[in-house]
PDB file of N, CA and C in Angstrom:
ATOM      1  N   MET A   1      55.786-138.961 -24.501  1.00  0.00           N
ATOM      2  CA  MET A   1      56.608-138.931 -25.701  1.00  0.00           C
ATOM      3  C   MET A   1      55.740-138.474 -26.868  1.00  0.00           C
ATOM      4  N   GLN A   2      56.382-137.836 -27.842  1.00  0.00           N
ATOM      5  CA  GLN A   2      55.645-137.418 -29.032  1.00  0.00           C
ATOM      6  C   GLN A   2      55.960-138.341 -30.204  1.00  0.00           C
ATOM      7  N   TYR A   3      54.943-138.523 -31.048  1.00  0.00           N
ATOM      8  CA  TYR A   3      55.066-139.338 -32.243  1.00  0.00           C
ATOM      9  C   TYR A   3      54.504-138.564 -33.424  1.00  0.00           C
ATOM     10  N   ALA A   4      55.177-138.670 -34.563  1.00  0.00           N
ATOM     11  CA  ALA A   4      54.645-138.132 -35.809  1.00  0.00           C
ATOM     12  C   ALA A   4      53.893-139.274 -36.492  1.00  0.00           C
ATOM     13  N   LEU A   5      52.648-139.016 -36.832  1.00  0.00           N
ATOM     14  CA  LEU A   5      51.843-139.989 -37.562  1.00  0.00           C
ATOM     15  C   LEU A   5      51.713-139.457 -38.984  1.00  0.00           C
ATOM     16  N   LEU A   6      52.470-140.057 -39.892  1.00  0.00           N
ATOM     17  CA  LEU A   6      52.560-139.582 -41.271  1.00  0.00           C
ATOM     18  C   LEU A   6      51.544-140.334 -42.121  1.00  0.00           C
ATOM     19  N   ILE A   7      50.670-139.598 -42.777  1.00  0.00           N
ATOM     20  CA  ILE A   7      49.549-140.175 -43.512  1.00  0.00           C
ATOM     21  C   ILE A   7      49.900-140.268 -44.995  1.00  0.00           C
ATOM     22  N   TYR A   8      49.960-141.488 -45.507  1.00  0.00           N
ATOM     23  CA  TYR A   8      50.263-141.724 -46.920  1.00  0.00           C
ATOM     24  C   TYR A   8      49.027-142.252 -47.628  1.00  0.00           C
ATOM     25  N   THR A   9      48.673-141.615 -48.735  1.00  0.00           N
ATOM     26  CA  THR A   9      47.553-142.074 -49.555  1.00  0.00           C
ATOM     27  C   THR A   9      47.926-141.955 -51.023  1.00  0.00           C
ATOM     28  N   ASN A  10      47.068-142.453 -51.875  1.00  0.00           N
ATOM     29  CA  ASN A  10      47.274-142.367 -53.316  1.00  0.00           C
ATOM     30  C   ASN A  10      46.592-141.093 -53.809  1.00  0.00           C
ATOM     31  N   GLU A  11      47.395-140.100 -54.189  1.00  0.00           N
ATOM     32  CA  GLU A  11      46.834-138.809 -54.619  1.00  0.00           C
ATOM     33  C   GLU A  11      45.907-138.945 -55.816  1.00  0.00           C
ATOM     34  N   THR A  12      46.245-139.817 -56.739  1.00  0.00           N
ATOM     35  CA  THR A  12      45.416-139.984 -57.924  1.00  0.00           C
ATOM     36  C   THR A  12      44.037-140.494 -57.540  1.00  0.00           C
ATOM     37  N   ALA A  13      43.999-141.521 -56.713  1.00  0.00           N
ATOM     38  CA  ALA A  13      42.716-142.057 -56.261  1.00  0.00           C
ATOM     39  C   ALA A  13      41.956-141.015 -55.447  1.00  0.00           C
ATOM     40  N   ASP A  14      42.663-140.297 -54.583  1.00  0.00           N
ATOM     41  CA  ASP A  14      42.008-139.268 -53.770  1.00  0.00           C
ATOM     42  C   ASP A  14      41.366-138.192 -54.646  1.00  0.00           C
ATOM     43  N   SER A  15      42.052-137.797 -55.707  1.00  0.00           N
ATOM     44  CA  SER A  15      41.533-136.732 -56.578  1.00  0.00           C
ATOM     45  C   SER A  15      40.328-137.194 -57.395  1.00  0.00           C
ATOM     46  N   GLN A  16      40.145-138.493 -57.526  1.00  0.00           N
ATOM     47  CA  GLN A  16      39.023-139.030 -58.297  1.00  0.00           C
ATOM     48  C   GLN A  16      37.811-139.353 -57.426  1.00  0.00           C
ATOM     49  N   ALA A  17      37.915-139.106 -56.133  1.00  0.00           N
ATOM     50  CA  ALA A  17      36.799-139.360 -55.219  1.00  0.00           C
ATOM     51  C   ALA A  17      35.661-138.391 -55.528  1.00  0.00           C
ATOM     52  N   SER A  18      34.446-138.865 -55.371  1.00  0.00           N
ATOM     53  CA  SER A  18      33.275-138.018 -55.593  1.00  0.00           C
ATOM     54  C   SER A  18      33.179-136.969 -54.483  1.00  0.00           C
ATOM     55  N   GLN A  19      32.367-135.958 -54.733  1.00  0.00           N
ATOM     56  CA  GLN A  19      32.143-134.918 -53.721  1.00  0.00           C
ATOM     57  C   GLN A  19      31.612-135.547 -52.439  1.00  0.00           C
ATOM     58  N   GLN A  20      30.708-136.502 -52.567  1.00  0.00           N
ATOM     59  CA  GLN A  20      30.132-137.182 -51.403  1.00  0.00           C
ATOM     60  C   GLN A  20      31.216-137.950 -50.638  1.00  0.00           C
ATOM     61  N   GLU A  21      32.111-138.632 -51.353  1.00  0.00           N
ATOM     62  CA  GLU A  21      33.209-139.365 -50.704  1.00  0.00           C
ATOM     63  C   GLU A  21      34.168-138.410 -50.000  1.00  0.00           C
ATOM     64  N   GLN A  22      34.467-137.281 -50.637  1.00  0.00           N
ATOM     65  CA  GLN A  22      35.352-136.287 -50.030  1.00  0.00           C
ATOM     66  C   GLN A  22      34.739-135.712 -48.763  1.00  0.00           C
ATOM     67  N   GLU A  23      33.441-135.431 -48.799  1.00  0.00           N
ATOM     68  CA  GLU A  23      32.761-134.904 -47.617  1.00  0.00           C
ATOM     69  C   GLU A  23      32.751-135.930 -46.486  1.00  0.00           C
ATOM     70  N   ALA A  24      32.519-137.195 -46.819  1.00  0.00           N
ATOM     71  CA  ALA A  24      32.526-138.252 -45.803  1.00  0.00           C
ATOM     72  C   ALA A  24      33.906-138.384 -45.176  1.00  0.00           C
ATOM     73  N   THR A  25      34.945-138.248 -45.971  1.00  0.00           N
ATOM     74  CA  THR A  25      36.316-138.308 -45.455  1.00  0.00           C
ATOM     75  C   THR A  25      36.566-137.165 -44.486  1.00  0.00           C
ATOM     76  N   MET A  26      36.130-135.959 -44.843  1.00  0.00           N
ATOM     77  CA  MET A  26      36.337-134.809 -43.962  1.00  0.00           C
ATOM     78  C   MET A  26      35.566-134.987 -42.650  1.00  0.00           C
ATOM     79  N   VAL A  27      34.363-135.531 -42.714  1.00  0.00           N
ATOM     80  CA  VAL A  27      33.592-135.797 -41.494  1.00  0.00           C
ATOM     81  C   VAL A  27      34.355-136.782 -40.613  1.00  0.00           C
ATOM     82  N   ALA A  28      34.932-137.819 -41.225  1.00  0.00           N
ATOM     83  CA  ALA A  28      35.687-138.819 -40.472  1.00  0.00           C
ATOM     84  C   ALA A  28      36.928-138.203 -39.826  1.00  0.00           C
ATOM     85  N   TYR A  29      37.633-137.345 -40.552  1.00  0.00           N
ATOM     86  CA  TYR A  29      38.821-136.696 -39.980  1.00  0.00           C
ATOM     87  C   TYR A  29      38.445-135.727 -38.861  1.00  0.00           C
ATOM     88  N   THR A  30      37.335-135.033 -39.007  1.00  0.00           N
ATOM     89  CA  THR A  30      36.870-134.137 -37.951  1.00  0.00           C
ATOM     90  C   THR A  30      36.540-134.931 -36.691  1.00  0.00           C
ATOM     91  N   ALA A  31      35.876-136.072 -36.871  1.00  0.00           N
ATOM     92  CA  ALA A  31      35.543-136.932 -35.729  1.00  0.00           C
ATOM     93  C   ALA A  31      36.812-137.467 -35.070  1.00  0.00           C
ATOM     94  N   PHE A  32      37.799-137.850 -35.868  1.00  0.00           N
ATOM     95  CA  PHE A  32      39.083-138.307 -35.327  1.00  0.00           C
ATOM     96  C   PHE A  32      39.711-137.192 -34.489  1.00  0.00           C
ATOM     97  N   GLY A  33      39.722-135.978 -35.022  1.00  0.00           N
ATOM     98  CA  GLY A  33      40.306-134.846 -34.307  1.00  0.00           C
ATOM     99  C   GLY A  33      39.614-134.580 -32.984  1.00  0.00           C
ATOM    100  N   GLU A  34      38.315-134.700 -32.971  1.00  0.00           N
ATOM    101  CA  GLU A  34      37.570-134.511 -31.728  1.00  0.00           C
ATOM    102  C   GLU A  34      37.887-135.613 -30.724  1.00  0.00           C
ATOM    103  N   GLN A  35      37.942-136.857 -31.214  1.00  0.00           N
ATOM    104  CA  GLN A  35      38.187-137.992 -30.332  1.00  0.00           C
ATOM    105  C   GLN A  35      39.557-137.913 -29.659  1.00  0.00           C
ATOM    106  N   PHE A  36      40.560-137.441 -30.389  1.00  0.00           N
ATOM    107  CA  PHE A  36      41.934-137.446 -29.884  1.00  0.00           C
ATOM    108  C   PHE A  36      42.483-136.038 -29.647  1.00  0.00           C
ATOM    109  N   LYS A  37      41.613-135.052 -29.422  1.00  0.00           N
ATOM    110  CA  LYS A  37      42.078-133.672 -29.282  1.00  0.00           C
ATOM    111  C   LYS A  37      43.036-133.480 -28.114  1.00  0.00           C
ATOM    112  N   GLU A  38      42.931-134.293 -27.094  1.00  0.00           N
ATOM    113  CA  GLU A  38      43.850-134.172 -25.959  1.00  0.00           C
ATOM    114  C   GLU A  38      45.253-134.694 -26.299  1.00  0.00           C
ATOM    115  N   GLN A  39      45.346-135.634 -27.226  1.00  0.00           N
ATOM    116  CA  GLN A  39      46.639-136.210 -27.600  1.00  0.00           C
ATOM    117  C   GLN A  39      47.285-135.481 -28.779  1.00  0.00           C
ATOM    118  N   ILE A  40      46.496-134.801 -29.592  1.00  0.00           N
ATOM    119  CA  ILE A  40      47.031-134.152 -30.793  1.00  0.00           C
ATOM    120  C   ILE A  40      47.726-132.850 -30.411  1.00  0.00           C
ATOM    121  N   ALA A  41      49.023-132.766 -30.700  1.00  0.00           N
ATOM    122  CA  ALA A  41      49.816-131.571 -30.420  1.00  0.00           C
ATOM    123  C   ALA A  41      49.949-130.691 -31.654  1.00  0.00           C
ATOM    124  N   GLY A  42      49.580-131.209 -32.807  1.00  0.00           N
ATOM    125  CA  GLY A  42      49.664-130.450 -34.049  1.00  0.00           C
ATOM    126  C   GLY A  42      49.408-131.359 -35.232  1.00  0.00           C
ATOM    127  N   GLY A  43      49.395-130.768 -36.404  1.00  0.00           N
ATOM    128  CA  GLY A  43      49.205-131.536 -37.617  1.00  0.00           C
ATOM    129  C   GLY A  43      48.633-130.666 -38.714  1.00  0.00           C
ATOM    130  N   GLU A  44      48.800-131.115 -39.924  1.00  0.00           N
ATOM    131  CA  GLU A  44      48.303-130.383 -41.088  1.00  0.00           C
ATOM    132  C   GLU A  44      48.119-131.321 -42.259  1.00  0.00           C
ATOM    133  N   ALA A  45      47.214-130.946 -43.145  1.00  0.00           N
ATOM    134  CA  ALA A  45      47.097-131.599 -44.446  1.00  0.00           C
ATOM    135  C   ALA A  45      48.092-130.902 -45.377  1.00  0.00           C
ATOM    136  N   LEU A  46      48.611-131.632 -46.337  1.00  0.00           N
ATOM    137  CA  LEU A  46      49.577-131.077 -47.284  1.00  0.00           C
ATOM    138  C   LEU A  46      48.954-130.979 -48.666  1.00  0.00           C
ATOM    139  N   LEU A  47      49.379-129.977 -49.427  1.00  0.00           N
ATOM    140  CA  LEU A  47      48.958-129.885 -50.821  1.00  0.00           C
ATOM    141  C   LEU A  47      49.581-131.043 -51.607  1.00  0.00           C
ATOM    142  N   PRO A  48      49.068-131.346 -52.799  1.00  0.00           N
ATOM    143  CA  PRO A  48      49.599-132.480 -53.584  1.00  0.00           C
ATOM    144  C   PRO A  48      51.087-132.343 -53.903  1.00  0.00           C
ATOM    145  N   THR A  49      51.706-133.468 -54.196  1.00  0.00           N
ATOM    146  CA  THR A  49      53.141-133.477 -54.508  1.00  0.00           C
ATOM    147  C   THR A  49      53.479-132.630 -55.727  1.00  0.00           C
ATOM    148  N   SER A  50      52.503-132.359 -56.588  1.00  0.00           N
ATOM    149  CA  SER A  50      52.768-131.498 -57.745  1.00  0.00           C
ATOM    150  C   SER A  50      53.164-130.086 -57.313  1.00  0.00           C
ATOM    151  N   SER A  51      52.855-129.713 -56.070  1.00  0.00           N
ATOM    152  CA  SER A  51      53.230-128.394 -55.567  1.00  0.00           C
ATOM    153  C   SER A  51      54.567-128.419 -54.818  1.00  0.00           C
ATOM    154  N   ALA A  52      55.173-129.589 -54.685  1.00  0.00           N
ATOM    155  CA  ALA A  52      56.399-129.746 -53.900  1.00  0.00           C
ATOM    156  C   ALA A  52      57.640-129.312 -54.679  1.00  0.00           C
ATOM    157  N   THR A  53      58.652-128.934 -53.945  1.00  0.00           N
ATOM    158  CA  THR A  53      59.982-128.661 -54.487  1.00  0.00           C
ATOM    159  C   THR A  53      60.980-129.398 -53.608  1.00  0.00           C
ATOM    160  N   THR A  54      61.866-130.162 -54.228  1.00  0.00           N
ATOM    161  CA  THR A  54      62.907-130.866 -53.497  1.00  0.00           C
ATOM    162  C   THR A  54      64.186-130.038 -53.568  1.00  0.00           C
ATOM    163  N   VAL A  55      64.838-129.845 -52.431  1.00  0.00           N
ATOM    164  CA  VAL A  55      66.050-129.025 -52.341  1.00  0.00           C
ATOM    165  C   VAL A  55      67.231-129.907 -51.939  1.00  0.00           C
ATOM    166  N   ARG A  56      68.343-129.741 -52.638  1.00  0.00           N
ATOM    167  CA  ARG A  56      69.587-130.430 -52.311  1.00  0.00           C
ATOM    168  C   ARG A  56      70.718-129.402 -52.332  1.00  0.00           C
ATOM    169  N   LEU A  57      71.709-129.625 -51.490  1.00  0.00           N
ATOM    170  CA  LEU A  57      72.904-128.788 -51.504  1.00  0.00           C
ATOM    171  C   LEU A  57      74.060-129.675 -51.936  1.00  0.00           C
ATOM    172  N   ARG A  58      74.667-129.360 -53.072  1.00  0.00           N
ATOM    173  CA  ARG A  58      75.775-130.138 -53.622  1.00  0.00           C
ATOM    174  C   ARG A  58      76.911-129.196 -53.987  1.00  0.00           C
ATOM    175  N   GLU A  59      78.079-129.455 -53.383  1.00  0.00           N
ATOM    176  CA  GLU A  59      79.266-128.656 -53.656  1.00  0.00           C
ATOM    177  C   GLU A  59      78.988-127.162 -53.519  1.00  0.00           C
ATOM    178  N   GLY A  60      78.245-126.818 -52.465  1.00  0.00           N
ATOM    179  CA  GLY A  60      77.952-125.420 -52.196  1.00  0.00           C
ATOM    180  C   GLY A  60      76.841-124.821 -53.045  1.00  0.00           C
ATOM    181  N   GLN A  61      76.264-125.586 -53.933  1.00  0.00           N
ATOM    182  CA  GLN A  61      75.208-125.097 -54.814  1.00  0.00           C
ATOM    183  C   GLN A  61      73.859-125.636 -54.365  1.00  0.00           C
ATOM    184  N   THR A  62      72.862-124.765 -54.325  1.00  0.00           N
ATOM    185  CA  THR A  62      71.500-125.190 -54.014  1.00  0.00           C
ATOM    186  C   THR A  62      70.842-125.634 -55.307  1.00  0.00           C
ATOM    187  N   LEU A  63      70.401-126.897 -55.320  1.00  0.00           N
ATOM    188  CA  LEU A  63      69.727-127.461 -56.484  1.00  0.00           C
ATOM    189  C   LEU A  63      68.274-127.723 -56.121  1.00  0.00           C
ATOM    190  N   THR A  64      67.366-127.330 -56.989  1.00  0.00           N
ATOM    191  CA  THR A  64      65.956-127.575 -56.746  1.00  0.00           C
ATOM    192  C   THR A  64      65.365-128.395 -57.883  1.00  0.00           C
ATOM    193  N   THR A  65      64.409-129.233 -57.516  1.00  0.00           N
ATOM    194  CA  THR A  65      63.703-130.065 -58.484  1.00  0.00           C
ATOM    195  C   THR A  65      62.219-129.972 -58.179  1.00  0.00           C
ATOM    196  N   ASP A  66      61.403-129.800 -59.193  1.00  0.00           N
ATOM    197  CA  ASP A  66      59.963-129.807 -58.993  1.00  0.00           C
ATOM    198  C   ASP A  66      59.520-131.193 -58.586  1.00  0.00           C
ATOM    199  N   GLY A  67      58.597-131.229 -57.655  1.00  0.00           N
ATOM    200  CA  GLY A  67      58.011-132.500 -57.255  1.00  0.00           C
ATOM    201  C   GLY A  67      58.725-133.134 -56.081  1.00  0.00           C
ATOM    202  N   PRO A  68      58.242-134.316 -55.721  1.00  0.00           N
ATOM    203  CA  PRO A  68      58.782-135.017 -54.550  1.00  0.00           C
ATOM    204  C   PRO A  68      60.129-135.651 -54.841  1.00  0.00           C
ATOM    205  N   PHE A  69      60.757-136.119 -53.769  1.00  0.00           N
ATOM    206  CA  PHE A  69      62.070-136.753 -53.866  1.00  0.00           C
ATOM    207  C   PHE A  69      62.023-138.031 -54.689  1.00  0.00           C
ATOM    208  N   ALA A  70      60.976-138.843 -54.526  1.00  0.00           N
ATOM    209  CA  ALA A  70      60.900-140.134 -55.206  1.00  0.00           C
ATOM    210  C   ALA A  70      59.477-140.402 -55.669  1.00  0.00           C
ATOM    211  N   GLU A  71      59.351-141.140 -56.741  1.00  0.00           N
ATOM    212  CA  GLU A  71      58.041-141.564 -57.224  1.00  0.00           C
ATOM    213  C   GLU A  71      57.607-142.791 -56.436  1.00  0.00           C
ATOM    214  N   THR A  72      56.432-142.740 -55.868  1.00  0.00           N
ATOM    215  CA  THR A  72      55.907-143.859 -55.094  1.00  0.00           C
ATOM    216  C   THR A  72      54.422-144.027 -55.385  1.00  0.00           C
ATOM    217  N   LYS A  73      53.866-145.147 -54.959  1.00  0.00           N
ATOM    218  CA  LYS A  73      52.434-145.388 -55.138  1.00  0.00           C
ATOM    219  C   LYS A  73      51.610-144.572 -54.160  1.00  0.00           C
ATOM    220  N   GLU A  74      52.171-144.301 -52.985  1.00  0.00           N
ATOM    221  CA  GLU A  74      51.499-143.492 -51.987  1.00  0.00           C
ATOM    222  C   GLU A  74      52.337-142.258 -51.686  1.00  0.00           C
ATOM    223  N   GLN A  75      51.649-141.144 -51.453  1.00  0.00           N
ATOM    224  CA  GLN A  75      52.335-139.891 -51.191  1.00  0.00           C
ATOM    225  C   GLN A  75      51.966-139.385 -49.801  1.00  0.00           C
ATOM    226  N   LEU A  76      52.875-138.634 -49.197  1.00  0.00           N
ATOM    227  CA  LEU A  76      52.626-138.027 -47.901  1.00  0.00           C
ATOM    228  C   LEU A  76      51.562-136.951 -48.080  1.00  0.00           C
ATOM    229  N   GLY A  77      50.424-137.143 -47.429  1.00  0.00           N
ATOM    230  CA  GLY A  77      49.312-136.220 -47.596  1.00  0.00           C
ATOM    231  C   GLY A  77      49.072-135.334 -46.394  1.00  0.00           C
ATOM    232  N   GLY A  78      49.656-135.699 -45.261  1.00  0.00           N
ATOM    233  CA  GLY A  78      49.469-134.915 -44.053  1.00  0.00           C
ATOM    234  C   GLY A  78      50.071-135.635 -42.871  1.00  0.00           C
ATOM    235  N   PHE A  79      49.920-135.034 -41.704  1.00  0.00           N
ATOM    236  CA  PHE A  79      50.517-135.637 -40.511  1.00  0.00           C
ATOM    237  C   PHE A  79      49.810-135.127 -39.266  1.00  0.00           C
ATOM    238  N   TYR A  80      49.948-135.892 -38.221  1.00  0.00           N
ATOM    239  CA  TYR A  80      49.567-135.472 -36.875  1.00  0.00           C
ATOM    240  C   TYR A  80      50.791-135.620 -35.993  1.00  0.00           C
ATOM    241  N   LEU A  81      50.934-134.738 -35.052  1.00  0.00           N
ATOM    242  CA  LEU A  81      51.926-134.858 -33.993  1.00  0.00           C
ATOM    243  C   LEU A  81      51.120-135.153 -32.740  1.00  0.00           C
ATOM    244  N   VAL A  82      51.343-136.328 -32.150  1.00  0.00           N
ATOM    245  CA  VAL A  82      50.534-136.738 -31.002  1.00  0.00           C
ATOM    246  C   VAL A  82      51.401-137.039 -29.792  1.00  0.00           C
ATOM    247  N   LYS A  83      50.782-136.925 -28.635  1.00  0.00           N
ATOM    248  CA  LYS A  83      51.415-137.313 -27.375  1.00  0.00           C
ATOM    249  C   LYS A  83      50.866-138.682 -27.005  1.00  0.00           C
ATOM    250  N   ALA A  84      51.762-139.631 -26.743  1.00  0.00           N
ATOM    251  CA  ALA A  84      51.360-140.981 -26.345  1.00  0.00           C
ATOM    252  C   ALA A  84      52.373-141.505 -25.341  1.00  0.00           C
ATOM    253  N   ASP A  85      51.915-142.373 -24.454  1.00  0.00           N
ATOM    254  CA  ASP A  85      52.804-142.927 -23.427  1.00  0.00           C
ATOM    255  C   ASP A  85      53.865-143.848 -24.006  1.00  0.00           C
ATOM    256  N   ASN A  86      53.521-144.529 -25.124  1.00  0.00           N
ATOM    257  CA  ASN A  86      54.455-145.483 -25.715  1.00  0.00           C
ATOM    258  C   ASN A  86      54.049-145.772 -27.156  1.00  0.00           C
ATOM    259  N   LEU A  87      54.866-146.560 -27.847  1.00  0.00           N
ATOM    260  CA  LEU A  87      54.608-146.876 -29.251  1.00  0.00           C
ATOM    261  C   LEU A  87      53.279-147.589 -29.430  1.00  0.00           C
ATOM    262  N   ASP A  88      52.937-148.497 -28.545  1.00  0.00           N
ATOM    263  CA  ASP A  88      51.667-149.216 -28.671  1.00  0.00           C
ATOM    264  C   ASP A  88      50.482-148.245 -28.655  1.00  0.00           C
ATOM    265  N   ASP A  89      50.529-147.252 -27.774  1.00  0.00           N
ATOM    266  CA  ASP A  89      49.450-146.268 -27.716  1.00  0.00           C
ATOM    267  C   ASP A  89      49.430-145.414 -28.983  1.00  0.00           C
ATOM    268  N   ALA A  90      50.594-145.051 -29.497  1.00  0.00           N
ATOM    269  CA  ALA A  90      50.668-144.270 -30.736  1.00  0.00           C
ATOM    270  C   ALA A  90      50.095-145.069 -31.906  1.00  0.00           C
ATOM    271  N   ILE A  91      50.370-146.355 -31.936  1.00  0.00           N
ATOM    272  CA  ILE A  91      49.838-147.219 -32.998  1.00  0.00           C
ATOM    273  C   ILE A  91      48.313-147.297 -32.905  1.00  0.00           C
ATOM    274  N   LYS A  92      47.786-147.366 -31.694  1.00  0.00           N
ATOM    275  CA  LYS A  92      46.332-147.403 -31.523  1.00  0.00           C
ATOM    276  C   LYS A  92      45.688-146.128 -32.056  1.00  0.00           C
ATOM    277  N   ILE A  93      46.326-144.989 -31.812  1.00  0.00           N
ATOM    278  CA  ILE A  93      45.812-143.729 -32.345  1.00  0.00           C
ATOM    279  C   ILE A  93      45.917-143.730 -33.868  1.00  0.00           C
ATOM    280  N   ALA A  94      47.070-144.143 -34.386  1.00  0.00           N
ATOM    281  CA  ALA A  94      47.285-144.167 -35.839  1.00  0.00           C
ATOM    282  C   ALA A  94      46.254-145.032 -36.547  1.00  0.00           C
ATOM    283  N   ALA A  95      45.874-146.135 -35.928  1.00  0.00           N
ATOM    284  CA  ALA A  95      44.902-147.045 -36.536  1.00  0.00           C
ATOM    285  C   ALA A  95      43.521-146.409 -36.662  1.00  0.00           C
ATOM    286  N   ARG A  96      43.265-145.347 -35.911  1.00  0.00           N
ATOM    287  CA  ARG A  96      41.969-144.667 -35.952  1.00  0.00           C
ATOM    288  C   ARG A  96      41.935-143.535 -36.982  1.00  0.00           C
ATOM    289  N   ILE A  97      43.086-143.190 -37.558  1.00  0.00           N
ATOM    290  CA  ILE A  97      43.118-142.157 -38.596  1.00  0.00           C
ATOM    291  C   ILE A  97      42.365-142.704 -39.810  1.00  0.00           C
ATOM    292  N   PRO A  98      41.404-141.950 -40.352  1.00  0.00           N
ATOM    293  CA  PRO A  98      40.617-142.461 -41.478  1.00  0.00           C
ATOM    294  C   PRO A  98      41.457-142.961 -42.658  1.00  0.00           C
ATOM    295  N   GLY A  99      42.570-142.317 -42.952  1.00  0.00           N
ATOM    296  CA  GLY A  99      43.414-142.721 -44.078  1.00  0.00           C
ATOM    297  C   GLY A  99      44.034-144.091 -43.932  1.00  0.00           C
ATOM    298  N   ALA A 100      44.061-144.634 -42.718  1.00  0.00           N
ATOM    299  CA  ALA A 100      44.615-145.976 -42.514  1.00  0.00           C
ATOM    300  C   ALA A 100      43.785-147.035 -43.229  1.00  0.00           C
ATOM    301  N   ALA A 101      42.517-146.734 -43.509  1.00  0.00           N
ATOM    302  CA  ALA A 101      41.627-147.699 -44.171  1.00  0.00           C
ATOM    303  C   ALA A 101      41.938-147.877 -45.648  1.00  0.00           C
ATOM    304  N   TYR A 102      42.600-146.903 -46.264  1.00  0.00           N
ATOM    305  CA  TYR A 102      42.883-147.011 -47.705  1.00  0.00           C
ATOM    306  C   TYR A 102      44.315-146.625 -48.055  1.00  0.00           C
ATOM    307  N   GLY A 103      45.093-146.190 -47.090  1.00  0.00           N
ATOM    308  CA  GLY A 103      46.492-145.837 -47.306  1.00  0.00           C
ATOM    309  C   GLY A 103      47.328-146.459 -46.208  1.00  0.00           C
ATOM    310  N   SER A 104      48.309-145.732 -45.730  1.00  0.00           N
ATOM    311  CA  SER A 104      49.125-146.245 -44.627  1.00  0.00           C
ATOM    312  C   SER A 104      49.533-145.079 -43.734  1.00  0.00           C
ATOM    313  N   ILE A 105      49.790-145.416 -42.482  1.00  0.00           N
ATOM    314  CA  ILE A 105      50.219-144.424 -41.505  1.00  0.00           C
ATOM    315  C   ILE A 105      51.578-144.860 -40.971  1.00  0.00           C
ATOM    316  N   GLU A 106      52.573-144.010 -41.148  1.00  0.00           N
ATOM    317  CA  GLU A 106      53.899-144.278 -40.603  1.00  0.00           C
ATOM    318  C   GLU A 106      53.984-143.624 -39.229  1.00  0.00           C
ATOM    319  N   VAL A 107      54.352-144.393 -38.231  1.00  0.00           N
ATOM    320  CA  VAL A 107      54.484-143.898 -36.855  1.00  0.00           C
ATOM    321  C   VAL A 107      55.962-143.726 -36.560  1.00  0.00           C
ATOM    322  N   ARG A 108      56.356-142.477 -36.265  1.00  0.00           N
ATOM    323  CA  ARG A 108      57.766-142.185 -36.003  1.00  0.00           C
ATOM    324  C   ARG A 108      57.904-141.455 -34.684  1.00  0.00           C
ATOM    325  N   PRO A 109      58.722-141.985 -33.757  1.00  0.00           N
ATOM    326  CA  PRO A 109      58.984-141.249 -32.528  1.00  0.00           C
ATOM    327  C   PRO A 109      59.710-139.941 -32.850  1.00  0.00           C
ATOM    328  N   VAL A 110      59.370-138.890 -32.125  1.00  0.00           N
ATOM    329  CA  VAL A 110      60.032-137.604 -32.295  1.00  0.00           C
ATOM    330  C   VAL A 110      61.254-137.586 -31.385  1.00  0.00           C
ATOM    331  N   MET A 111      62.383-137.200 -31.940  1.00  0.00           N
ATOM    332  CA  MET A 111      63.616-137.137 -31.177  1.00  0.00           C
ATOM    333  C   MET A 111      63.519-136.021 -30.153  1.00  0.00           C
ATOM    334  N   GLU A 112      63.892-136.333 -28.941  1.00  0.00           N
ATOM    335  CA  GLU A 112      63.870-135.329 -27.881  1.00  0.00           C
ATOM    336  C   GLU A 112      65.293-134.884 -27.572  1.00  0.00           C
ATOM    337  N   PHE A 113      65.495-133.581 -27.564  1.00  0.00           N
ATOM    338  CA  PHE A 113      66.796-133.015 -27.239  1.00  0.00           C
ATOM    339  C   PHE A 113      66.727-132.428 -25.843  1.00  0.00           C
ATOM    340  N   ASN A 114      67.710-132.715 -25.030  1.00  0.00           N
ATOM    341  CA  ASN A 114      67.731-132.177 -23.669  1.00  0.00           C
ATOM    342  C   ASN A 114      68.510-130.893 -23.602  1.00  0.00           C
TER     343      ASN A 114
END
């Protein structure tokens, strides 16, 4: 089964990290990727929410708004798509994502269509 591991962190705090802290984070993410390369089916880091556009369709009209859908303390910063036998295994992988130490990881099963 596939699971989306959605990485939420505080963009403001992340942007205030020192160069040394940012480099250490990248080393940790690289190590995570190496450790779980057989389970990782995809994933990407996302640009900050300031670059986002929210799209809605109302009464046949496309409406756009700059920024994310909602203001929150943590923002979606990236994701991994992983293969795991079950939710417990997906949670074990999610717990190893470096961002889990200072943010949160949402584990969502991917819907399978036959």
